Amino acid sequence: MKKTYYESLYILDADALEDDEQDNLVMCGSQNWDYYFPVDSEQANIETFSNVSIVEFKNNNDFETFVKSNQIIDYSLEHDNPMVLVYGKD
């Protein structure tokens, strides 16, 4: 399991971003297809989350166990490894 902390993450409209801005994508949510970026874009900002972490799992079993026993903001199965977005650093 790998955890990355962000002071702020932004849901941005990826279609409104320039190609080089889209390279900053850290997670694409499977739950609602939101695109999470660590940098804000005034023309594309939809929502902001503060004090959050992305937790990446090496296998589906660990991911499913975590989701069942923790409160999550969103999850993703769209990347190489399953991941969740949660509040907090620890």
PDB file of N, CA and C in Angstrom:
ATOM      1  N   MET A   1       0.844  -1.170   0.000  1.00  0.00           N
ATOM      2  CA  MET A   1       0.000   0.000   0.000  1.00  0.00           C
ATOM      3  C   MET A   1       0.894   1.239   0.000  1.00  0.00           C
ATOM      4  N   LYS A   2       0.543   2.186  -0.854  1.00  0.00           N
ATOM      5  CA  LYS A   2       1.286   3.442  -0.961  1.00  0.00           C
ATOM      6  C   LYS A   2       0.305   4.592  -0.716  1.00  0.00           C
ATOM      7  N   LYS A   3       0.687   5.515   0.155  1.00  0.00           N
ATOM      8  CA  LYS A   3      -0.187   6.644   0.476  1.00  0.00           C
ATOM      9  C   LYS A   3       0.522   7.944   0.114  1.00  0.00           C
ATOM     10  N   THR A   4      -0.200   8.818  -0.623  1.00  0.00           N
ATOM     11  CA  THR A   4       0.331  10.127  -1.001  1.00  0.00           C
ATOM     12  C   THR A   4      -0.609  11.199  -0.475  1.00  0.00           C
ATOM     13  N   TYR A   5      -0.059  12.113   0.311  1.00  0.00           N
ATOM     14  CA  TYR A   5      -0.848  13.172   0.938  1.00  0.00           C
ATOM     15  C   TYR A   5      -0.868  14.423   0.062  1.00  0.00           C
ATOM     16  N   TYR A   6      -2.019  15.111   0.047  1.00  0.00           N
ATOM     17  CA  TYR A   6      -2.178  16.376  -0.678  1.00  0.00           C
ATOM     18  C   TYR A   6      -2.865  17.388   0.237  1.00  0.00           C
ATOM     19  N   GLU A   7      -2.294  18.576   0.357  1.00  0.00           N
ATOM     20  CA  GLU A   7      -2.971  19.640   1.102  1.00  0.00           C
ATOM     21  C   GLU A   7      -4.280  19.998   0.410  1.00  0.00           C
ATOM     22  N   SER A   8      -4.271  19.980  -0.936  1.00  0.00           N
ATOM     23  CA  SER A   8      -5.476  20.251  -1.715  1.00  0.00           C
ATOM     24  C   SER A   8      -5.459  19.419  -2.988  1.00  0.00           C
ATOM     25  N   LEU A   9      -6.632  18.909  -3.349  1.00  0.00           N
ATOM     26  CA  LEU A   9      -6.852  18.273  -4.646  1.00  0.00           C
ATOM     27  C   LEU A   9      -8.079  18.923  -5.257  1.00  0.00           C
ATOM     28  N   TYR A  10      -8.053  19.035  -6.571  1.00  0.00           N
ATOM     29  CA  TYR A  10      -9.115  19.738  -7.270  1.00  0.00           C
ATOM     30  C   TYR A  10      -9.762  18.818  -8.292  1.00  0.00           C
ATOM     31  N   ILE A  11     -11.088  18.808  -8.298  1.00  0.00           N
ATOM     32  CA  ILE A  11     -11.805  18.148  -9.385  1.00  0.00           C
ATOM     33  C   ILE A  11     -11.881  19.174 -10.503  1.00  0.00           C
ATOM     34  N   LEU A  12     -11.303  18.833 -11.628  1.00  0.00           N
ATOM     35  CA  LEU A  12     -11.271  19.746 -12.755  1.00  0.00           C
ATOM     36  C   LEU A  12     -11.927  19.117 -13.966  1.00  0.00           C
ATOM     37  N   ASP A  13     -12.482  19.950 -14.798  1.00  0.00           N
ATOM     38  CA  ASP A  13     -13.030  19.514 -16.077  1.00  0.00           C
ATOM     39  C   ASP A  13     -11.854  19.323 -17.025  1.00  0.00           C
ATOM     40  N   ALA A  14     -11.462  18.089 -17.255  1.00  0.00           N
ATOM     41  CA  ALA A  14     -10.278  17.795 -18.065  1.00  0.00           C
ATOM     42  C   ALA A  14     -10.409  18.324 -19.485  1.00  0.00           C
ATOM     43  N   ASP A  15     -11.613  18.407 -20.008  1.00  0.00           N
ATOM     44  CA  ASP A  15     -11.806  18.920 -21.367  1.00  0.00           C
ATOM     45  C   ASP A  15     -11.483  20.409 -21.470  1.00  0.00           C
ATOM     46  N   ALA A  16     -11.533  21.131 -20.358  1.00  0.00           N
ATOM     47  CA  ALA A  16     -11.248  22.557 -20.361  1.00  0.00           C
ATOM     48  C   ALA A  16      -9.766  22.858 -20.134  1.00  0.00           C
ATOM     49  N   LEU A  17      -8.964  21.831 -19.921  1.00  0.00           N
ATOM     50  CA  LEU A  17      -7.539  22.009 -19.648  1.00  0.00           C
ATOM     51  C   LEU A  17      -6.704  21.870 -20.911  1.00  0.00           C
ATOM     52  N   GLU A  18      -5.554  22.516 -20.885  1.00  0.00           N
ATOM     53  CA  GLU A  18      -4.570  22.336 -21.950  1.00  0.00           C
ATOM     54  C   GLU A  18      -3.927  20.958 -21.788  1.00  0.00           C
ATOM     55  N   ASP A  19      -3.346  20.427 -22.860  1.00  0.00           N
ATOM     56  CA  ASP A  19      -2.736  19.099 -22.816  1.00  0.00           C
ATOM     57  C   ASP A  19      -1.675  18.983 -21.720  1.00  0.00           C
ATOM     58  N   ASP A  20      -0.818  20.004 -21.578  1.00  0.00           N
ATOM     59  CA  ASP A  20       0.230  19.924 -20.563  1.00  0.00           C
ATOM     60  C   ASP A  20      -0.346  19.973 -19.150  1.00  0.00           C
ATOM     61  N   GLU A  21      -1.501  20.617 -18.959  1.00  0.00           N
ATOM     62  CA  GLU A  21      -2.155  20.617 -17.652  1.00  0.00           C
ATOM     63  C   GLU A  21      -2.751  19.251 -17.343  1.00  0.00           C
ATOM     64  N   GLN A  22      -3.231  18.554 -18.345  1.00  0.00           N
ATOM     65  CA  GLN A  22      -3.822  17.231 -18.147  1.00  0.00           C
ATOM     66  C   GLN A  22      -2.791  16.217 -17.670  1.00  0.00           C
ATOM     67  N   ASP A  23      -1.522  16.480 -17.924  1.00  0.00           N
ATOM     68  CA  ASP A  23      -0.457  15.578 -17.475  1.00  0.00           C
ATOM     69  C   ASP A  23      -0.356  15.518 -15.955  1.00  0.00           C
ATOM     70  N   ASN A  24      -0.967  16.460 -15.254  1.00  0.00           N
ATOM     71  CA  ASN A  24      -0.919  16.507 -13.791  1.00  0.00           C
ATOM     72  C   ASN A  24      -1.976  15.630 -13.122  1.00  0.00           C
ATOM     73  N   LEU A  25      -2.770  14.923 -13.887  1.00  0.00           N
ATOM     74  CA  LEU A  25      -3.819  14.068 -13.336  1.00  0.00           C
ATOM     75  C   LEU A  25      -3.228  13.057 -12.348  1.00  0.00           C
ATOM     76  N   VAL A  26      -3.816  12.978 -11.137  1.00  0.00           N
ATOM     77  CA  VAL A  26      -3.338  11.996 -10.157  1.00  0.00           C
ATOM     78  C   VAL A  26      -4.335  10.862  -9.955  1.00  0.00           C
ATOM     79  N   MET A  27      -5.617  11.095 -10.290  1.00  0.00           N
ATOM     80  CA  MET A  27      -6.594  10.021 -10.152  1.00  0.00           C
ATOM     81  C   MET A  27      -7.840  10.339 -10.969  1.00  0.00           C
ATOM     82  N   CYS A  28      -8.359   9.305 -11.613  1.00  0.00           N
ATOM     83  CA  CYS A  28      -9.644   9.379 -12.295  1.00  0.00           C
ATOM     84  C   CYS A  28     -10.603   8.503 -11.514  1.00  0.00           C
ATOM     85  N   GLY A  29     -11.610   9.108 -10.915  1.00  0.00           N
ATOM     86  CA  GLY A  29     -12.536   8.362 -10.067  1.00  0.00           C
ATOM     87  C   GLY A  29     -13.454   7.454 -10.863  1.00  0.00           C
ATOM     88  N   SER A  30     -13.610   6.215 -10.426  1.00  0.00           N
ATOM     89  CA  SER A  30     -14.530   5.265 -11.064  1.00  0.00           C
ATOM     90  C   SER A  30     -15.958   5.493 -10.603  1.00  0.00           C
ATOM     91  N   GLN A  31     -16.121   6.013  -9.392  1.00  0.00           N
ATOM     92  CA  GLN A  31     -17.444   6.188  -8.810  1.00  0.00           C
ATOM     93  C   GLN A  31     -18.261   7.213  -9.588  1.00  0.00           C
ATOM     94  N   ASN A  32     -17.633   8.303  -9.995  1.00  0.00           N
ATOM     95  CA  ASN A  32     -18.366   9.372 -10.658  1.00  0.00           C
ATOM     96  C   ASN A  32     -17.584  10.019 -11.806  1.00  0.00           C
ATOM     97  N   TRP A  33     -16.494   9.430 -12.195  1.00  0.00           N
ATOM     98  CA  TRP A  33     -15.647   9.889 -13.314  1.00  0.00           C
ATOM     99  C   TRP A  33     -15.106  11.293 -13.116  1.00  0.00           C
ATOM    100  N   ASP A  34     -14.844  11.655 -11.865  1.00  0.00           N
ATOM    101  CA  ASP A  34     -14.201  12.938 -11.588  1.00  0.00           C
ATOM    102  C   ASP A  34     -12.704  12.806 -11.845  1.00  0.00           C
ATOM    103  N   TYR A  35     -12.102  13.916 -12.274  1.00  0.00           N
ATOM    104  CA  TYR A  35     -10.672  13.957 -12.539  1.00  0.00           C
ATOM    105  C   TYR A  35     -10.005  14.812 -11.473  1.00  0.00           C
ATOM    106  N   TYR A  36      -9.076  14.221 -10.713  1.00  0.00           N
ATOM    107  CA  TYR A  36      -8.424  14.876  -9.582  1.00  0.00           C
ATOM    108  C   TYR A  36      -7.024  15.342  -9.964  1.00  0.00           C
ATOM    109  N   PHE A  37      -6.754  16.630  -9.676  1.00  0.00           N
ATOM    110  CA  PHE A  37      -5.480  17.255  -9.999  1.00  0.00           C
ATOM    111  C   PHE A  37      -4.928  17.952  -8.758  1.00  0.00           C
ATOM    112  N   PRO A  38      -3.585  17.989  -8.604  1.00  0.00           N
ATOM    113  CA  PRO A  38      -2.988  18.667  -7.453  1.00  0.00           C
ATOM    114  C   PRO A  38      -2.833  20.175  -7.653  1.00  0.00           C
ATOM    115  N   VAL A  39      -3.103  20.676  -8.849  1.00  0.00           N
ATOM    116  CA  VAL A  39      -3.003  22.103  -9.140  1.00  0.00           C
ATOM    117  C   VAL A  39      -4.352  22.607  -9.631  1.00  0.00           C
ATOM    118  N   ASP A  40      -4.674  23.833  -9.240  1.00  0.00           N
ATOM    119  CA  ASP A  40      -5.966  24.420  -9.582  1.00  0.00           C
ATOM    120  C   ASP A  40      -5.906  25.062 -10.967  1.00  0.00           C
ATOM    121  N   SER A  41      -7.050  25.141 -11.595  1.00  0.00           N
ATOM    122  CA  SER A  41      -7.209  25.841 -12.862  1.00  0.00           C
ATOM    123  C   SER A  41      -8.528  26.604 -12.760  1.00  0.00           C
ATOM    124  N   GLU A  42      -8.442  27.929 -12.735  1.00  0.00           N
ATOM    125  CA  GLU A  42      -9.636  28.746 -12.496  1.00  0.00           C
ATOM    126  C   GLU A  42     -10.750  28.477 -13.492  1.00  0.00           C
ATOM    127  N   GLN A  43     -10.408  28.232 -14.739  1.00  0.00           N
ATOM    128  CA  GLN A  43     -11.445  28.034 -15.757  1.00  0.00           C
ATOM    129  C   GLN A  43     -12.054  26.640 -15.710  1.00  0.00           C
ATOM    130  N   ALA A  44     -11.464  25.729 -14.959  1.00  0.00           N
ATOM    131  CA  ALA A  44     -11.944  24.351 -14.990  1.00  0.00           C
ATOM    132  C   ALA A  44     -12.305  23.789 -13.619  1.00  0.00           C
ATOM    133  N   ASN A  45     -12.144  24.578 -12.551  1.00  0.00           N
ATOM    134  CA  ASN A  45     -12.361  24.072 -11.194  1.00  0.00           C
ATOM    135  C   ASN A  45     -13.831  23.772 -10.939  1.00  0.00           C
ATOM    136  N   ILE A  46     -14.092  22.565 -10.481  1.00  0.00           N
ATOM    137  CA  ILE A  46     -15.442  22.147 -10.129  1.00  0.00           C
ATOM    138  C   ILE A  46     -15.597  22.054  -8.616  1.00  0.00           C
ATOM    139  N   GLU A  47     -14.592  21.463  -7.954  1.00  0.00           N
ATOM    140  CA  GLU A  47     -14.670  21.266  -6.503  1.00  0.00           C
ATOM    141  C   GLU A  47     -13.263  21.100  -5.946  1.00  0.00           C
ATOM    142  N   THR A  48     -13.079  21.490  -4.670  1.00  0.00           N
ATOM    143  CA  THR A  48     -11.782  21.388  -4.009  1.00  0.00           C
ATOM    144  C   THR A  48     -11.910  20.524  -2.766  1.00  0.00           C
ATOM    145  N   PHE A  49     -10.919  19.662  -2.554  1.00  0.00           N
ATOM    146  CA  PHE A  49     -10.820  18.849  -1.341  1.00  0.00           C
ATOM    147  C   PHE A  49      -9.520  19.204  -0.641  1.00  0.00           C
ATOM    148  N   SER A  50      -9.574  19.390   0.670  1.00  0.00           N
ATOM    149  CA  SER A  50      -8.386  19.716   1.452  1.00  0.00           C
ATOM    150  C   SER A  50      -8.068  18.585   2.413  1.00  0.00           C
ATOM    151  N   ASN A  51      -6.743  18.452   2.706  1.00  0.00           N
ATOM    152  CA  ASN A  51      -6.278  17.458   3.666  1.00  0.00           C
ATOM    153  C   ASN A  51      -6.731  16.054   3.264  1.00  0.00           C
ATOM    154  N   VAL A  52      -6.268  15.601   2.110  1.00  0.00           N
ATOM    155  CA  VAL A  52      -6.665  14.293   1.586  1.00  0.00           C
ATOM    156  C   VAL A  52      -5.444  13.466   1.202  1.00  0.00           C
ATOM    157  N   SER A  53      -5.661  12.170   1.098  1.00  0.00           N
ATOM    158  CA  SER A  53      -4.613  11.249   0.659  1.00  0.00           C
ATOM    159  C   SER A  53      -5.171  10.297  -0.385  1.00  0.00           C
ATOM    160  N   ILE A  54      -4.309   9.932  -1.312  1.00  0.00           N
ATOM    161  CA  ILE A  54      -4.632   8.863  -2.248  1.00  0.00           C
ATOM    162  C   ILE A  54      -3.872   7.630  -1.784  1.00  0.00           C
ATOM    163  N   VAL A  55      -4.611   6.555  -1.575  1.00  0.00           N
ATOM    164  CA  VAL A  55      -4.021   5.289  -1.133  1.00  0.00           C
ATOM    165  C   VAL A  55      -4.081   4.324  -2.310  1.00  0.00           C
ATOM    166  N   GLU A  56      -2.927   3.820  -2.703  1.00  0.00           N
ATOM    167  CA  GLU A  56      -2.822   2.897  -3.838  1.00  0.00           C
ATOM    168  C   GLU A  56      -2.501   1.502  -3.315  1.00  0.00           C
ATOM    169  N   PHE A  57      -3.202   0.514  -3.842  1.00  0.00           N
ATOM    170  CA  PHE A  57      -3.063  -0.867  -3.375  1.00  0.00           C
ATOM    171  C   PHE A  57      -2.405  -1.737  -4.433  1.00  0.00           C
ATOM    172  N   LYS A  58      -1.679  -2.740  -3.988  1.00  0.00           N
ATOM    173  CA  LYS A  58      -1.015  -3.655  -4.917  1.00  0.00           C
ATOM    174  C   LYS A  58      -1.943  -4.748  -5.421  1.00  0.00           C
ATOM    175  N   ASN A  59      -3.039  -4.999  -4.687  1.00  0.00           N
ATOM    176  CA  ASN A  59      -3.961  -6.052  -5.135  1.00  0.00           C
ATOM    177  C   ASN A  59      -5.398  -5.696  -4.772  1.00  0.00           C
ATOM    178  N   ASN A  60      -6.323  -6.345  -5.426  1.00  0.00           N
ATOM    179  CA  ASN A  60      -7.748  -6.068  -5.238  1.00  0.00           C
ATOM    180  C   ASN A  60      -8.250  -6.472  -3.858  1.00  0.00           C
ATOM    181  N   ASN A  61      -7.696  -7.538  -3.266  1.00  0.00           N
ATOM    182  CA  ASN A  61      -8.157  -7.973  -1.946  1.00  0.00           C
ATOM    183  C   ASN A  61      -7.923  -6.900  -0.888  1.00  0.00           C
ATOM    184  N   ASP A  62      -6.720  -6.313  -0.875  1.00  0.00           N
ATOM    185  CA  ASP A  62      -6.426  -5.248   0.081  1.00  0.00           C
ATOM    186  C   ASP A  62      -7.322  -4.037  -0.174  1.00  0.00           C
ATOM    187  N   PHE A  63      -7.534  -3.706  -1.437  1.00  0.00           N
ATOM    188  CA  PHE A  63      -8.414  -2.602  -1.814  1.00  0.00           C
ATOM    189  C   PHE A  63      -9.831  -2.835  -1.297  1.00  0.00           C
ATOM    190  N   GLU A  64     -10.386  -4.000  -1.560  1.00  0.00           N
ATOM    191  CA  GLU A  64     -11.762  -4.300  -1.147  1.00  0.00           C
ATOM    192  C   GLU A  64     -11.914  -4.297   0.370  1.00  0.00           C
ATOM    193  N   THR A  65     -10.934  -4.821   1.082  1.00  0.00           N
ATOM    194  CA  THR A  65     -10.968  -4.815   2.546  1.00  0.00           C
ATOM    195  C   THR A  65     -10.964  -3.384   3.073  1.00  0.00           C
ATOM    196  N   PHE A  66     -10.115  -2.549   2.497  1.00  0.00           N
ATOM    197  CA  PHE A  66     -10.025  -1.152   2.924  1.00  0.00           C
ATOM    198  C   PHE A  66     -11.344  -0.424   2.669  1.00  0.00           C
ATOM    199  N   VAL A  67     -11.927  -0.598   1.502  1.00  0.00           N
ATOM    200  CA  VAL A  67     -13.170   0.087   1.139  1.00  0.00           C
ATOM    201  C   VAL A  67     -14.309  -0.316   2.071  1.00  0.00           C
ATOM    202  N   LYS A  68     -14.366  -1.584   2.441  1.00  0.00           N
ATOM    203  CA  LYS A  68     -15.437  -2.070   3.325  1.00  0.00           C
ATOM    204  C   LYS A  68     -15.331  -1.523   4.743  1.00  0.00           C
ATOM    205  N   SER A  69     -14.121  -1.208   5.188  1.00  0.00           N
ATOM    206  CA  SER A  69     -13.942  -0.830   6.582  1.00  0.00           C
ATOM    207  C   SER A  69     -13.546   0.635   6.789  1.00  0.00           C
ATOM    208  N   ASN A  70     -13.564   1.451   5.738  1.00  0.00           N
ATOM    209  CA  ASN A  70     -13.174   2.857   5.862  1.00  0.00           C
ATOM    210  C   ASN A  70     -14.122   3.748   5.078  1.00  0.00           C
ATOM    211  N   GLN A  71     -14.223   4.985   5.516  1.00  0.00           N
ATOM    212  CA  GLN A  71     -15.004   5.970   4.784  1.00  0.00           C
ATOM    213  C   GLN A  71     -14.115   6.570   3.698  1.00  0.00           C
ATOM    214  N   ILE A  72     -14.573   6.512   2.456  1.00  0.00           N
ATOM    215  CA  ILE A  72     -13.786   7.030   1.345  1.00  0.00           C
ATOM    216  C   ILE A  72     -14.561   8.147   0.648  1.00  0.00           C
ATOM    217  N   ILE A  73     -13.824   8.985  -0.060  1.00  0.00           N
ATOM    218  CA  ILE A  73     -14.425  10.040  -0.871  1.00  0.00           C
ATOM    219  C   ILE A  73     -14.745   9.488  -2.254  1.00  0.00           C
ATOM    220  N   ASP A  74     -13.794   8.768  -2.827  1.00  0.00           N
ATOM    221  CA  ASP A  74     -13.939   8.203  -4.168  1.00  0.00           C
ATOM    222  C   ASP A  74     -12.944   7.059  -4.296  1.00  0.00           C
ATOM    223  N   TYR A  75     -13.096   6.277  -5.337  1.00  0.00           N
ATOM    224  CA  TYR A  75     -12.164   5.189  -5.612  1.00  0.00           C
ATOM    225  C   TYR A  75     -11.876   5.153  -7.105  1.00  0.00           C
ATOM    226  N   SER A  76     -10.830   4.418  -7.476  1.00  0.00           N
ATOM    227  CA  SER A  76     -10.502   4.285  -8.890  1.00  0.00           C
ATOM    228  C   SER A  76      -9.989   2.893  -9.203  1.00  0.00           C
ATOM    229  N   LEU A  77     -10.540   2.350 -10.260  1.00  0.00           N
ATOM    230  CA  LEU A  77     -10.047   1.105 -10.839  1.00  0.00           C
ATOM    231  C   LEU A  77      -9.514   1.375 -12.239  1.00  0.00           C
ATOM    232  N   GLU A  78      -9.278   2.652 -12.551  1.00  0.00           N
ATOM    233  CA  GLU A  78      -8.896   3.081 -13.892  1.00  0.00           C
ATOM    234  C   GLU A  78      -7.388   3.159 -14.088  1.00  0.00           C
ATOM    235  N   HIS A  79      -6.623   2.912 -13.049  1.00  0.00           N
ATOM    236  CA  HIS A  79      -5.163   3.014 -13.117  1.00  0.00           C
ATOM    237  C   HIS A  79      -4.547   1.618 -13.016  1.00  0.00           C
ATOM    238  N   ASP A  80      -3.227   1.547 -13.038  1.00  0.00           N
ATOM    239  CA  ASP A  80      -2.549   0.249 -12.958  1.00  0.00           C
ATOM    240  C   ASP A  80      -2.924  -0.514 -11.695  1.00  0.00           C
ATOM    241  N   ASN A  81      -3.075   0.210 -10.591  1.00  0.00           N
ATOM    242  CA  ASN A  81      -3.449  -0.395  -9.312  1.00  0.00           C
ATOM    243  C   ASN A  81      -4.703   0.295  -8.777  1.00  0.00           C
ATOM    244  N   PRO A  82      -5.564  -0.434  -8.030  1.00  0.00           N
ATOM    245  CA  PRO A  82      -6.727   0.207  -7.438  1.00  0.00           C
ATOM    246  C   PRO A  82      -6.308   1.244  -6.403  1.00  0.00           C
ATOM    247  N   MET A  83      -7.093   2.317  -6.275  1.00  0.00           N
ATOM    248  CA  MET A  83      -6.774   3.368  -5.318  1.00  0.00           C
ATOM    249  C   MET A  83      -8.031   3.999  -4.766  1.00  0.00           C
ATOM    250  N   VAL A  84      -7.885   4.636  -3.619  1.00  0.00           N
ATOM    251  CA  VAL A  84      -8.991   5.358  -2.985  1.00  0.00           C
ATOM    252  C   VAL A  84      -8.525   6.757  -2.600  1.00  0.00           C
ATOM    253  N   LEU A  85      -9.478   7.659  -2.513  1.00  0.00           N
ATOM    254  CA  LEU A  85      -9.252   9.004  -2.018  1.00  0.00           C
ATOM    255  C   LEU A  85      -9.924   9.110  -0.661  1.00  0.00           C
ATOM    256  N   VAL A  86      -9.166   9.492   0.369  1.00  0.00           N
ATOM    257  CA  VAL A  86      -9.674   9.578   1.731  1.00  0.00           C
ATOM    258  C   VAL A  86      -9.242  10.900   2.365  1.00  0.00           C
ATOM    259  N   TYR A  87      -9.974  11.311   3.394  1.00  0.00           N
ATOM    260  CA  TYR A  87      -9.549  12.490   4.161  1.00  0.00           C
ATOM    261  C   TYR A  87      -8.430  12.115   5.114  1.00  0.00           C
ATOM    262  N   GLY A  88      -7.518  13.042   5.331  1.00  0.00           N
ATOM    263  CA  GLY A  88      -6.471  12.882   6.331  1.00  0.00           C
ATOM    264  C   GLY A  88      -5.133  12.462   5.785  1.00  0.00           C
ATOM    265  N   LYS A  89      -4.164  12.595   6.648  1.00  0.00           N
ATOM    266  CA  LYS A  89      -2.783  12.269   6.293  1.00  0.00           C
ATOM    267  C   LYS A  89      -2.409  10.862   6.723  1.00  0.00           C
ATOM    268  N   ASP A  90      -2.939  10.412   7.857  1.00  0.00           N
ATOM    269  CA  ASP A  90      -2.586   9.087   8.385  1.00  0.00           C
ATOM    270  C   ASP A  90      -3.710   8.094   8.188  1.00  0.00           C
TER     271      ASP A  90
END
